[in-house]
PDB file of all heavy atoms in Angstrom:
ATOM      1  N   TYR A   1       3.183   9.873 -13.541  1.00  0.00           N
ATOM      2  CA  TYR A   1       2.655  10.477 -12.308  1.00  0.00           C
ATOM      3  C   TYR A   1       1.379  11.288 -12.526  1.00  0.00           C
ATOM      4  O   TYR A   1       0.373  11.043 -11.849  1.00  0.00           O
ATOM      5  CB  TYR A   1       3.734  11.322 -11.633  1.00  0.00           C
ATOM      6  CG  TYR A   1       3.330  11.778 -10.262  1.00  0.00           C
ATOM      7  CD1 TYR A   1       3.452  10.935  -9.166  1.00  0.00           C
ATOM      8  CD2 TYR A   1       2.799  13.057 -10.057  1.00  0.00           C
ATOM      9  CE1 TYR A   1       3.072  11.340  -7.903  1.00  0.00           C
ATOM     10  CE2 TYR A   1       2.417  13.472  -8.808  1.00  0.00           C
ATOM     11  CZ  TYR A   1       2.552  12.618  -7.726  1.00  0.00           C
ATOM     12  OH  TYR A   1       2.156  13.030  -6.483  1.00  0.00           O
ATOM     13  N   PRO A   2       1.344  12.252 -13.442  1.00  0.00           N
ATOM     14  CA  PRO A   2       0.107  13.031 -13.591  1.00  0.00           C
ATOM     15  C   PRO A   2      -1.007  12.246 -14.287  1.00  0.00           C
ATOM     16  O   PRO A   2      -2.180  12.592 -14.166  1.00  0.00           O
ATOM     17  CB  PRO A   2       0.534  14.231 -14.443  1.00  0.00           C
ATOM     18  CG  PRO A   2       1.736  13.762 -15.188  1.00  0.00           C
ATOM     19  CD  PRO A   2       2.412  12.759 -14.301  1.00  0.00           C
ATOM     20  N   ARG A   3      -0.637  11.198 -14.976  1.00  0.00           N
ATOM     21  CA  ARG A   3      -1.602  10.422 -15.752  1.00  0.00           C
ATOM     22  C   ARG A   3      -2.409   9.450 -14.881  1.00  0.00           C
ATOM     23  O   ARG A   3      -3.538   9.104 -15.227  1.00  0.00           O
ATOM     24  CB  ARG A   3      -0.809   9.657 -16.810  1.00  0.00           C
ATOM     25  CG  ARG A   3      -1.612   8.898 -17.781  1.00  0.00           C
ATOM     26  CD  ARG A   3      -0.710   8.297 -18.835  1.00  0.00           C
ATOM     27  NE  ARG A   3      -1.473   7.353 -19.603  1.00  0.00           N
ATOM     28  CZ  ARG A   3      -0.970   6.512 -20.453  1.00  0.00           C
ATOM     29  NH1 ARG A   3       0.326   6.493 -20.653  1.00  0.00           N
ATOM     30  NH2 ARG A   3      -1.732   5.691 -21.123  1.00  0.00           N
ATOM     31  N   LEU A   4      -1.816   9.007 -13.789  1.00  0.00           N
ATOM     32  CA  LEU A   4      -2.441   7.980 -12.957  1.00  0.00           C
ATOM     33  C   LEU A   4      -2.870   8.573 -11.621  1.00  0.00           C
ATOM     34  O   LEU A   4      -2.046   9.002 -10.827  1.00  0.00           O
ATOM     35  CB  LEU A   4      -1.461   6.813 -12.742  1.00  0.00           C
ATOM     36  CG  LEU A   4      -0.899   6.199 -14.029  1.00  0.00           C
ATOM     37  CD1 LEU A   4       0.122   5.131 -13.713  1.00  0.00           C
ATOM     38  CD2 LEU A   4      -2.014   5.656 -14.910  1.00  0.00           C
ATOM     39  N   GLY A   5      -4.185   8.586 -11.399  1.00  0.00           N
ATOM     40  CA  GLY A   5      -4.749   9.233 -10.222  1.00  0.00           C
ATOM     41  C   GLY A   5      -4.374   8.563  -8.913  1.00  0.00           C
ATOM     42  O   GLY A   5      -4.234   7.343  -8.836  1.00  0.00           O
ATOM     43  N   PRO A   6      -4.257   9.364  -7.860  1.00  0.00           N
ATOM     44  CA  PRO A   6      -3.826   8.854  -6.561  1.00  0.00           C
ATOM     45  C   PRO A   6      -4.843   7.927  -5.894  1.00  0.00           C
ATOM     46  O   PRO A   6      -4.467   7.086  -5.079  1.00  0.00           O
ATOM     47  CB  PRO A   6      -3.617  10.119  -5.732  1.00  0.00           C
ATOM     48  CG  PRO A   6      -4.430  11.171  -6.389  1.00  0.00           C
ATOM     49  CD  PRO A   6      -4.465  10.800  -7.844  1.00  0.00           C
ATOM     50  N   GLU A   7      -6.104   8.047  -6.246  1.00  0.00           N
ATOM     51  CA  GLU A   7      -7.100   7.181  -5.623  1.00  0.00           C
ATOM     52  C   GLU A   7      -6.966   5.726  -6.076  1.00  0.00           C
ATOM     53  O   GLU A   7      -7.311   4.818  -5.343  1.00  0.00           O
ATOM     54  CB  GLU A   7      -8.527   7.693  -5.882  1.00  0.00           C
ATOM     55  CG  GLU A   7      -8.924   7.850  -7.337  1.00  0.00           C
ATOM     56  CD  GLU A   7      -8.354   9.088  -8.021  1.00  0.00           C
ATOM     57  OE1 GLU A   7      -8.040  10.086  -7.358  1.00  0.00           O
ATOM     58  OE2 GLU A   7      -8.206   9.024  -9.258  1.00  0.00           O
ATOM     59  N   ARG A   8      -6.420   5.503  -7.252  1.00  0.00           N
ATOM     60  CA  ARG A   8      -6.260   4.132  -7.761  1.00  0.00           C
ATOM     61  C   ARG A   8      -4.799   3.688  -7.763  1.00  0.00           C
ATOM     62  O   ARG A   8      -4.517   2.502  -7.651  1.00  0.00           O
ATOM     63  CB  ARG A   8      -6.821   4.040  -9.183  1.00  0.00           C
ATOM     64  CG  ARG A   8      -6.710   2.640  -9.730  1.00  0.00           C
ATOM     65  CD  ARG A   8      -7.674   2.345 -10.865  1.00  0.00           C
ATOM     66  NE  ARG A   8      -7.322   1.044 -11.423  1.00  0.00           N
ATOM     67  CZ  ARG A   8      -6.981   0.839 -12.661  1.00  0.00           C
ATOM     68  NH1 ARG A   8      -6.969   1.827 -13.513  1.00  0.00           N
ATOM     69  NH2 ARG A   8      -6.666  -0.366 -13.082  1.00  0.00           N
ATOM     70  N   PHE A   9      -3.882   4.625  -7.894  1.00  0.00           N
ATOM     71  CA  PHE A   9      -2.467   4.283  -8.031  1.00  0.00           C
ATOM     72  C   PHE A   9      -1.651   4.924  -6.919  1.00  0.00           C
ATOM     73  O   PHE A   9      -1.278   6.090  -7.004  1.00  0.00           O
ATOM     74  CB  PHE A   9      -1.928   4.734  -9.401  1.00  0.00           C
ATOM     75  CG  PHE A   9      -2.564   4.034 -10.550  1.00  0.00           C
ATOM     76  CD1 PHE A   9      -3.637   4.599 -11.216  1.00  0.00           C
ATOM     77  CD2 PHE A   9      -2.098   2.799 -10.967  1.00  0.00           C
ATOM     78  CE1 PHE A   9      -4.235   3.945 -12.287  1.00  0.00           C
ATOM     79  CE2 PHE A   9      -2.691   2.134 -12.031  1.00  0.00           C
ATOM     80  CZ  PHE A   9      -3.762   2.708 -12.691  1.00  0.00           C
ATOM     81  N   GLY A  10      -1.391   4.147  -5.898  1.00  0.00           N
ATOM     82  CA  GLY A  10      -0.519   4.603  -4.818  1.00  0.00           C
ATOM     83  C   GLY A  10       0.931   4.440  -5.229  1.00  0.00           C
ATOM     84  O   GLY A  10       1.256   3.995  -6.339  1.00  0.00           O
ATOM     85  N   ALA A  11       1.827   4.771  -4.338  1.00  0.00           N
ATOM     86  CA  ALA A  11       3.260   4.704  -4.623  1.00  0.00           C
ATOM     87  C   ALA A  11       3.694   3.290  -5.010  1.00  0.00           C
ATOM     88  O   ALA A  11       4.507   3.104  -5.920  1.00  0.00           O
ATOM     89  CB  ALA A  11       4.058   5.192  -3.421  1.00  0.00           C
ATOM     90  N   GLY A  12       3.142   2.301  -4.342  1.00  0.00           N
ATOM     91  CA  GLY A  12       3.512   0.911  -4.643  1.00  0.00           C
ATOM     92  C   GLY A  12       3.137   0.509  -6.061  1.00  0.00           C
ATOM     93  O   GLY A  12       3.932  -0.116  -6.770  1.00  0.00           O
ATOM     94  N   GLU A  13       1.923   0.855  -6.473  1.00  0.00           N
ATOM     95  CA  GLU A  13       1.476   0.525  -7.826  1.00  0.00           C
ATOM     96  C   GLU A  13       2.291   1.275  -8.871  1.00  0.00           C
ATOM     97  O   GLU A  13       2.677   0.719  -9.895  1.00  0.00           O
ATOM     98  CB  GLU A  13      -0.020   0.823  -8.002  1.00  0.00           C
ATOM     99  CG  GLU A  13      -0.930  -0.110  -7.251  1.00  0.00           C
ATOM    100  CD  GLU A  13      -1.087   0.251  -5.774  1.00  0.00           C
ATOM    101  OE1 GLU A  13      -0.713   1.378  -5.375  1.00  0.00           O
ATOM    102  OE2 GLU A  13      -1.564  -0.607  -5.015  1.00  0.00           O
ATOM    103  N   LEU A  14       2.552   2.562  -8.609  1.00  0.00           N
ATOM    104  CA  LEU A  14       3.365   3.348  -9.541  1.00  0.00           C
ATOM    105  C   LEU A  14       4.764   2.753  -9.679  1.00  0.00           C
ATOM    106  O   LEU A  14       5.308   2.673 -10.787  1.00  0.00           O
ATOM    107  CB  LEU A  14       3.473   4.808  -9.066  1.00  0.00           C
ATOM    108  CG  LEU A  14       2.210   5.657  -9.173  1.00  0.00           C
ATOM    109  CD1 LEU A  14       2.410   6.991  -8.478  1.00  0.00           C
ATOM    110  CD2 LEU A  14       1.815   5.863 -10.625  1.00  0.00           C
ATOM    111  N   THR A  15       5.328   2.317  -8.582  1.00  0.00           N
ATOM    112  CA  THR A  15       6.663   1.725  -8.604  1.00  0.00           C
ATOM    113  C   THR A  15       6.682   0.455  -9.442  1.00  0.00           C
ATOM    114  O   THR A  15       7.602   0.247 -10.240  1.00  0.00           O
ATOM    115  CB  THR A  15       7.141   1.430  -7.166  1.00  0.00           C
ATOM    116  OG1 THR A  15       7.184   2.672  -6.447  1.00  0.00           O
ATOM    117  CG2 THR A  15       8.509   0.774  -7.158  1.00  0.00           C
ATOM    118  N   LYS A  16       5.672  -0.386  -9.280  1.00  0.00           N
ATOM    119  CA  LYS A  16       5.603  -1.637 -10.049  1.00  0.00           C
ATOM    120  C   LYS A  16       5.454  -1.360 -11.549  1.00  0.00           C
ATOM    121  O   LYS A  16       6.101  -1.996 -12.375  1.00  0.00           O
ATOM    122  CB  LYS A  16       4.445  -2.503  -9.569  1.00  0.00           C
ATOM    123  CG  LYS A  16       4.685  -3.141  -8.233  1.00  0.00           C
ATOM    124  CD  LYS A  16       3.469  -3.936  -7.791  1.00  0.00           C
ATOM    125  CE  LYS A  16       3.635  -4.451  -6.393  1.00  0.00           C
ATOM    126  NZ  LYS A  16       2.419  -5.155  -5.917  1.00  0.00           N
ATOM    127  N   ILE A  17       4.595  -0.408 -11.892  1.00  0.00           N
ATOM    128  CA  ILE A  17       4.376  -0.078 -13.306  1.00  0.00           C
ATOM    129  C   ILE A  17       5.657   0.488 -13.915  1.00  0.00           C
ATOM    130  O   ILE A  17       6.073   0.094 -15.005  1.00  0.00           O
ATOM    131  CB  ILE A  17       3.187   0.905 -13.462  1.00  0.00           C
ATOM    132  CG1 ILE A  17       1.885   0.189 -13.101  1.00  0.00           C
ATOM    133  CG2 ILE A  17       3.135   1.473 -14.872  1.00  0.00           C
ATOM    134  CD1 ILE A  17       0.702   1.108 -12.915  1.00  0.00           C
ATOM    135  N   ARG A  18       6.304   1.419 -13.204  1.00  0.00           N
ATOM    136  CA  ARG A  18       7.551   1.983 -13.713  1.00  0.00           C
ATOM    137  C   ARG A  18       8.611   0.903 -13.851  1.00  0.00           C
ATOM    138  O   ARG A  18       9.305   0.841 -14.868  1.00  0.00           O
ATOM    139  CB  ARG A  18       8.060   3.099 -12.808  1.00  0.00           C
ATOM    140  CG  ARG A  18       9.380   3.693 -13.331  1.00  0.00           C
ATOM    141  CD  ARG A  18      10.053   4.623 -12.377  1.00  0.00           C
ATOM    142  NE  ARG A  18      10.320   3.939 -11.128  1.00  0.00           N
ATOM    143  CZ  ARG A  18      10.379   4.536  -9.949  1.00  0.00           C
ATOM    144  NH1 ARG A  18      10.206   5.837  -9.850  1.00  0.00           N
ATOM    145  NH2 ARG A  18      10.629   3.849  -8.858  1.00  0.00           N
ATOM    146  N   ALA A  19       8.755   0.049 -12.849  1.00  0.00           N
ATOM    147  CA  ALA A  19       9.773  -1.011 -12.901  1.00  0.00           C
ATOM    148  C   ALA A  19       9.562  -1.910 -14.114  1.00  0.00           C
ATOM    149  O   ALA A  19      10.520  -2.288 -14.797  1.00  0.00           O
ATOM    150  CB  ALA A  19       9.752  -1.829 -11.616  1.00  0.00           C
ATOM    151  N   GLN A  20       8.322  -2.243 -14.398  1.00  0.00           N
ATOM    152  CA  GLN A  20       8.032  -3.080 -15.562  1.00  0.00           C
ATOM    153  C   GLN A  20       8.326  -2.326 -16.861  1.00  0.00           C
ATOM    154  O   GLN A  20       8.893  -2.883 -17.799  1.00  0.00           O
ATOM    155  CB  GLN A  20       6.572  -3.527 -15.532  1.00  0.00           C
ATOM    156  CG  GLN A  20       6.198  -4.483 -16.644  1.00  0.00           C
ATOM    157  CD  GLN A  20       4.764  -4.954 -16.530  1.00  0.00           C
ATOM    158  OE1 GLN A  20       4.151  -4.905 -15.465  1.00  0.00           O
ATOM    159  NE2 GLN A  20       4.209  -5.420 -17.640  1.00  0.00           N
ATOM    160  N   ALA A  21       7.977  -1.048 -16.901  1.00  0.00           N
ATOM    161  CA  ALA A  21       8.159  -0.255 -18.124  1.00  0.00           C
ATOM    162  C   ALA A  21       9.625  -0.005 -18.450  1.00  0.00           C
ATOM    163  O   ALA A  21       9.978   0.171 -19.613  1.00  0.00           O
ATOM    164  CB  ALA A  21       7.417   1.079 -18.003  1.00  0.00           C
ATOM    165  N   VAL A  22      10.495   0.004 -17.451  1.00  0.00           N
ATOM    166  CA  VAL A  22      11.919   0.289 -17.685  1.00  0.00           C
ATOM    167  C   VAL A  22      12.796  -0.939 -17.437  1.00  0.00           C
ATOM    168  O   VAL A  22      14.013  -0.822 -17.348  1.00  0.00           O
ATOM    169  CB  VAL A  22      12.419   1.486 -16.828  1.00  0.00           C
ATOM    170  CG1 VAL A  22      11.594   2.724 -17.099  1.00  0.00           C
ATOM    171  CG2 VAL A  22      12.441   1.155 -15.343  1.00  0.00           C
ATOM    172  N   SER A  23      12.189  -2.102 -17.352  1.00  0.00           N
ATOM    173  CA  SER A  23      12.920  -3.343 -17.063  1.00  0.00           C
ATOM    174  C   SER A  23      13.925  -3.676 -18.165  1.00  0.00           C
ATOM    175  O   SER A  23      13.901  -3.091 -19.252  1.00  0.00           O
ATOM    176  CB  SER A  23      11.929  -4.499 -16.930  1.00  0.00           C
ATOM    177  OG  SER A  23      11.354  -4.785 -18.202  1.00  0.00           O
ATOM    178  N   GLY A  24      14.772  -4.637 -17.876  1.00  0.00           N
ATOM    179  CA  GLY A  24      15.716  -5.118 -18.884  1.00  0.00           C
ATOM    180  C   GLY A  24      15.003  -5.589 -20.132  1.00  0.00           C
ATOM    181  O   GLY A  24      15.448  -5.336 -21.255  1.00  0.00           O
ATOM    182  N   ARG A  25      13.883  -6.251 -19.957  1.00  0.00           N
ATOM    183  CA  ARG A  25      13.106  -6.736 -21.106  1.00  0.00           C
ATOM    184  C   ARG A  25      12.593  -5.569 -21.945  1.00  0.00           C
ATOM    185  O   ARG A  25      12.644  -5.598 -23.177  1.00  0.00           O
ATOM    186  CB  ARG A  25      11.934  -7.593 -20.627  1.00  0.00           C
ATOM    187  CG  ARG A  25      11.116  -8.173 -21.773  1.00  0.00           C
ATOM    188  CD  ARG A  25       9.958  -9.003 -21.291  1.00  0.00           C
ATOM    189  NE  ARG A  25      10.444 -10.091 -20.455  1.00  0.00           N
ATOM    190  CZ  ARG A  25       9.714 -10.707 -19.543  1.00  0.00           C
ATOM    191  NH1 ARG A  25       8.462 -10.349 -19.345  1.00  0.00           N
ATOM    192  NH2 ARG A  25      10.209 -11.682 -18.833  1.00  0.00           N
ATOM    193  N   SER A  26      12.121  -4.523 -21.281  1.00  0.00           N
ATOM    194  CA  SER A  26      11.632  -3.348 -22.002  1.00  0.00           C
ATOM    195  C   SER A  26      12.772  -2.647 -22.730  1.00  0.00           C
ATOM    196  O   SER A  26      12.632  -2.248 -23.890  1.00  0.00           O
ATOM    197  CB  SER A  26      10.961  -2.370 -21.029  1.00  0.00           C
ATOM    198  OG  SER A  26       9.788  -2.945 -20.500  1.00  0.00           O
ATOM    199  N   CYS A  27      13.904  -2.495 -22.044  1.00  0.00           N
ATOM    200  CA  CYS A  27      15.070  -1.869 -22.680  1.00  0.00           C
ATOM    201  C   CYS A  27      15.513  -2.679 -23.887  1.00  0.00           C
ATOM    202  O   CYS A  27      15.883  -2.116 -24.920  1.00  0.00           O
ATOM    203  CB  CYS A  27      16.211  -1.726 -21.678  1.00  0.00           C
ATOM    204  SG  CYS A  27      15.947  -0.446 -20.437  1.00  0.00           S
ATOM    205  N   ARG A  28      15.466  -3.995 -23.776  1.00  0.00           N
ATOM    206  CA  ARG A  28      15.846  -4.860 -24.897  1.00  0.00           C
ATOM    207  C   ARG A  28      14.916  -4.625 -26.083  1.00  0.00           C
ATOM    208  O   ARG A  28      15.349  -4.585 -27.236  1.00  0.00           O
ATOM    209  CB  ARG A  28      15.808  -6.319 -24.473  1.00  0.00           C
ATOM    210  CG  ARG A  28      15.768  -7.290 -25.651  1.00  0.00           C
ATOM    211  CD  ARG A  28      16.968  -8.028 -25.776  1.00  0.00           C
ATOM    212  NE  ARG A  28      17.181  -8.677 -27.034  1.00  0.00           N
ATOM    213  CZ  ARG A  28      17.785  -9.831 -27.102  1.00  0.00           C
ATOM    214  NH1 ARG A  28      18.134 -10.449 -26.008  1.00  0.00           N
ATOM    215  NH2 ARG A  28      18.042 -10.355 -28.266  1.00  0.00           N
ATOM    216  N   ALA A  29      13.619  -4.498 -25.815  1.00  0.00           N
ATOM    217  CA  ALA A  29      12.653  -4.266 -26.898  1.00  0.00           C
ATOM    218  C   ALA A  29      12.962  -2.960 -27.628  1.00  0.00           C
ATOM    219  O   ALA A  29      12.933  -2.902 -28.860  1.00  0.00           O
ATOM    220  CB  ALA A  29      11.229  -4.254 -26.347  1.00  0.00           C
ATOM    221  N   VAL A  30      13.275  -1.916 -26.876  1.00  0.00           N
ATOM    222  CA  VAL A  30      13.628  -0.636 -27.492  1.00  0.00           C
ATOM    223  C   VAL A  30      14.935  -0.782 -28.265  1.00  0.00           C
ATOM    224  O   VAL A  30      15.078  -0.271 -29.383  1.00  0.00           O
ATOM    225  CB  VAL A  30      13.700   0.493 -26.436  1.00  0.00           C
ATOM    226  CG1 VAL A  30      14.226   1.790 -27.051  1.00  0.00           C
ATOM    227  CG2 VAL A  30      12.328   0.720 -25.808  1.00  0.00           C
ATOM    228  N   ALA A  31      15.888  -1.505 -27.688  1.00  0.00           N
ATOM    229  CA  ALA A  31      17.171  -1.749 -28.367  1.00  0.00           C
ATOM    230  C   ALA A  31      16.948  -2.469 -29.691  1.00  0.00           C
ATOM    231  O   ALA A  31      17.581  -2.138 -30.703  1.00  0.00           O
ATOM    232  CB  ALA A  31      18.104  -2.562 -27.469  1.00  0.00           C
ATOM    233  N   ASP A  32      16.044  -3.433 -29.693  1.00  0.00           N
ATOM    234  CA  ASP A  32      15.751  -4.158 -30.928  1.00  0.00           C
ATOM    235  C   ASP A  32      15.162  -3.216 -31.979  1.00  0.00           C
ATOM    236  O   ASP A  32      15.541  -3.264 -33.154  1.00  0.00           O
ATOM    237  CB  ASP A  32      14.788  -5.322 -30.663  1.00  0.00           C
ATOM    238  CG  ASP A  32      15.443  -6.468 -29.906  1.00  0.00           C
ATOM    239  OD1 ASP A  32      16.692  -6.530 -29.833  1.00  0.00           O
ATOM    240  OD2 ASP A  32      14.693  -7.318 -29.377  1.00  0.00           O
ATOM    241  N   ARG A  33      14.242  -2.345 -31.568  1.00  0.00           N
ATOM    242  CA  ARG A  33      13.633  -1.414 -32.519  1.00  0.00           C
ATOM    243  C   ARG A  33      14.643  -0.401 -33.054  1.00  0.00           C
ATOM    244  O   ARG A  33      14.511   0.083 -34.165  1.00  0.00           O
ATOM    245  CB  ARG A  33      12.440  -0.694 -31.878  1.00  0.00           C
ATOM    246  CG  ARG A  33      11.269  -1.620 -31.614  1.00  0.00           C
ATOM    247  CD  ARG A  33       9.983  -0.882 -31.305  1.00  0.00           C
ATOM    248  NE  ARG A  33       9.992  -0.069 -30.117  1.00  0.00           N
ATOM    249  CZ  ARG A  33       9.667  -0.484 -28.899  1.00  0.00           C
ATOM    250  NH1 ARG A  33       9.319  -1.742 -28.688  1.00  0.00           N
ATOM    251  NH2 ARG A  33       9.666   0.360 -27.882  1.00  0.00           N
ATOM    252  N   LEU A  34      15.661  -0.082 -32.243  1.00  0.00           N
ATOM    253  CA  LEU A  34      16.697   0.869 -32.659  1.00  0.00           C
ATOM    254  C   LEU A  34      17.848   0.206 -33.411  1.00  0.00           C
ATOM    255  O   LEU A  34      18.738   0.900 -33.886  1.00  0.00           O
ATOM    256  CB  LEU A  34      17.267   1.579 -31.429  1.00  0.00           C
ATOM    257  CG  LEU A  34      16.686   2.913 -31.055  1.00  0.00           C
ATOM    258  CD1 LEU A  34      17.297   3.423 -29.760  1.00  0.00           C
ATOM    259  CD2 LEU A  34      16.838   3.935 -32.138  1.00  0.00           C
ATOM    260  N   GLY A  35      17.859  -1.113 -33.489  1.00  0.00           N
ATOM    261  CA  GLY A  35      18.948  -1.805 -34.168  1.00  0.00           C
ATOM    262  C   GLY A  35      20.266  -1.716 -33.406  1.00  0.00           C
ATOM    263  O   GLY A  35      21.336  -1.645 -34.012  1.00  0.00           O
TER     264      GLY A  35
END
């Protein structure tokens, strides 16, 4: 939120970025790194 300015990143864009960052695929990648 504080990193991405409101003039370029509205709620919709923030939601998409967050959804991708915390997706099942992302969680799997972290799980793989943690063993």
